[in-house]
Amino acid sequence: MSTSSDTVKKVEKKDKGGVGEFIRETRGEWDKTTFPSSDDVRSTTIIVVISVIFFAIYLFLVDKAWVYILQALAWVVNWIAGI
């Protein structure tokens, strides 16, 4: 009587291929791939650079606003406390 582990071992041995099969399958998958054109790469790069600049400026302004708000809050607390 065959156990389930024997069946798994038989399937693994049957599906196991060599280096040649791996190379053939890799070439087959390589043929299915597509690469972006230089215009696509250029346009997406421009979009990324503009987005990074935008968010850098936005975060800089938000940071400066929080510093201003917290300094004003500290001044008010010090004024109320009489320090």
C-alpha atoms as a PDB file:
ATOM      1  CA  MET A   1       0.000   0.000   0.000  1.00  0.00           C
ATOM      2  CA  SER A   2       1.289   3.460  -0.972  1.00  0.00           C
ATOM      3  CA  THR A   3       1.231   6.337   1.473  1.00  0.00           C
ATOM      4  CA  SER A   4       0.655   9.947   0.609  1.00  0.00           C
ATOM      5  CA  SER A   5       4.320  10.793   1.198  1.00  0.00           C
ATOM      6  CA  ASP A   6       5.348   8.186  -1.399  1.00  0.00           C
ATOM      7  CA  THR A   7       2.998   9.796  -3.917  1.00  0.00           C
ATOM      8  CA  VAL A   8       4.456  13.236  -3.222  1.00  0.00           C
ATOM      9  CA  LYS A   9       7.992  11.926  -3.634  1.00  0.00           C
ATOM     10  CA  LYS A  10       7.107  10.294  -6.966  1.00  0.00           C
ATOM     11  CA  VAL A  11       5.553  13.516  -8.255  1.00  0.00           C
ATOM     12  CA  GLU A  12       8.542  15.562  -7.153  1.00  0.00           C
ATOM     13  CA  LYS A  13      10.960  13.221  -8.927  1.00  0.00           C
ATOM     14  CA  LYS A  14       8.858  13.239 -12.077  1.00  0.00           C
ATOM     15  CA  ASP A  15       8.574  17.055 -12.235  1.00  0.00           C
ATOM     16  CA  LYS A  16      12.216  17.650 -11.405  1.00  0.00           C
ATOM     17  CA  GLY A  17      14.074  18.858 -14.499  1.00  0.00           C
ATOM     18  CA  GLY A  18      17.669  19.570 -15.297  1.00  0.00           C
ATOM     19  CA  VAL A  19      19.570  22.706 -16.103  1.00  0.00           C
ATOM     20  CA  GLY A  20      18.690  22.450 -19.787  1.00  0.00           C
ATOM     21  CA  GLU A  21      14.979  22.447 -19.052  1.00  0.00           C
ATOM     22  CA  PHE A  22      15.415  25.422 -16.741  1.00  0.00           C
ATOM     23  CA  ILE A  23      17.230  27.358 -19.485  1.00  0.00           C
ATOM     24  CA  ARG A  24      14.548  26.499 -22.061  1.00  0.00           C
ATOM     25  CA  GLU A  25      11.781  27.647 -19.726  1.00  0.00           C
ATOM     26  CA  THR A  26      13.711  30.808 -18.875  1.00  0.00           C
ATOM     27  CA  ARG A  27      14.147  31.665 -22.567  1.00  0.00           C
ATOM     28  CA  GLY A  28      10.456  31.007 -23.121  1.00  0.00           C
ATOM     29  CA  GLU A  29       9.535  33.415 -20.351  1.00  0.00           C
ATOM     30  CA  TRP A  30      12.087  35.950 -21.609  1.00  0.00           C
ATOM     31  CA  ASP A  31      10.348  35.971 -24.991  1.00  0.00           C
ATOM     32  CA  LYS A  32       7.062  36.877 -23.280  1.00  0.00           C
ATOM     33  CA  THR A  33       8.495  39.972 -21.595  1.00  0.00           C
ATOM     34  CA  THR A  34       8.190  43.472 -22.989  1.00  0.00           C
ATOM     35  CA  PHE A  35      10.315  46.477 -22.164  1.00  0.00           C
ATOM     36  CA  PRO A  36       9.225  50.118 -22.175  1.00  0.00           C
ATOM     37  CA  SER A  37      10.359  52.401 -24.938  1.00  0.00           C
ATOM     38  CA  SER A  38      12.757  55.241 -24.251  1.00  0.00           C
ATOM     39  CA  ASP A  39       9.869  57.725 -24.541  1.00  0.00           C
ATOM     40  CA  ASP A  40       7.927  55.843 -21.854  1.00  0.00           C
ATOM     41  CA  VAL A  41      10.954  55.794 -19.561  1.00  0.00           C
ATOM     42  CA  ARG A  42      11.589  59.497 -20.145  1.00  0.00           C
ATOM     43  CA  SER A  43       7.976  60.511 -19.456  1.00  0.00           C
ATOM     44  CA  THR A  44       7.673  58.423 -16.285  1.00  0.00           C
ATOM     45  CA  THR A  45      11.013  59.752 -15.056  1.00  0.00           C
ATOM     46  CA  ILE A  46       9.813  63.324 -15.547  1.00  0.00           C
ATOM     47  CA  ILE A  47       6.603  62.520 -13.658  1.00  0.00           C
ATOM     48  CA  VAL A  48       8.570  61.017 -10.761  1.00  0.00           C
ATOM     49  CA  VAL A  49      10.964  63.981 -10.547  1.00  0.00           C
ATOM     50  CA  ILE A  50       8.103  66.502 -10.584  1.00  0.00           C
ATOM     51  CA  SER A  51       6.227  64.496  -7.926  1.00  0.00           C
ATOM     52  CA  VAL A  52       9.283  64.331  -5.676  1.00  0.00           C
ATOM     53  CA  ILE A  53       9.857  68.078  -5.975  1.00  0.00           C
ATOM     54  CA  PHE A  54       6.179  68.805  -5.278  1.00  0.00           C
ATOM     55  CA  PHE A  55       6.040  66.624  -2.166  1.00  0.00           C
ATOM     56  CA  ALA A  56       9.379  67.939  -0.907  1.00  0.00           C
ATOM     57  CA  ILE A  57       8.091  71.520  -1.102  1.00  0.00           C
ATOM     58  CA  TYR A  58       4.745  70.497   0.432  1.00  0.00           C
ATOM     59  CA  LEU A  59       6.363  68.713   3.373  1.00  0.00           C
ATOM     60  CA  PHE A  60       8.789  71.602   3.884  1.00  0.00           C
ATOM     61  CA  LEU A  61       5.900  74.053   4.109  1.00  0.00           C
ATOM     62  CA  VAL A  62       3.893  71.808   6.433  1.00  0.00           C
ATOM     63  CA  ASP A  63       6.946  71.418   8.679  1.00  0.00           C
ATOM     64  CA  LYS A  64       7.512  75.168   8.783  1.00  0.00           C
ATOM     65  CA  ALA A  65       3.821  75.728   9.584  1.00  0.00           C
ATOM     66  CA  TRP A  66       3.961  73.271  12.498  1.00  0.00           C
ATOM     67  CA  VAL A  67       7.113  74.933  13.849  1.00  0.00           C
ATOM     68  CA  TYR A  68       5.386  78.316  13.682  1.00  0.00           C
ATOM     69  CA  ILE A  69       2.224  76.973  15.351  1.00  0.00           C
ATOM     70  CA  LEU A  70       4.146  75.249  18.149  1.00  0.00           C
ATOM     71  CA  GLN A  71       6.330  78.299  18.799  1.00  0.00           C
ATOM     72  CA  ALA A  72       3.207  80.456  18.983  1.00  0.00           C
ATOM     73  CA  LEU A  73       1.588  77.971  21.345  1.00  0.00           C
ATOM     74  CA  ALA A  74       4.696  77.938  23.551  1.00  0.00           C
ATOM     75  CA  TRP A  75       4.705  81.756  23.594  1.00  0.00           C
ATOM     76  CA  VAL A  76       1.025  81.827  24.638  1.00  0.00           C
ATOM     77  CA  VAL A  77       1.603  79.275  27.398  1.00  0.00           C
ATOM     78  CA  ASN A  78       4.638  81.219  28.656  1.00  0.00           C
ATOM     79  CA  TRP A  79       2.654  84.479  28.538  1.00  0.00           C
ATOM     80  CA  ILE A  80      -0.230  82.933  30.500  1.00  0.00           C
ATOM     81  CA  ALA A  81       2.157  81.379  33.040  1.00  0.00           C
ATOM     82  CA  GLY A  82       4.017  84.671  33.349  1.00  0.00           C
ATOM     83  CA  ILE A  83       7.404  83.230  32.495  1.00  0.00           C
END
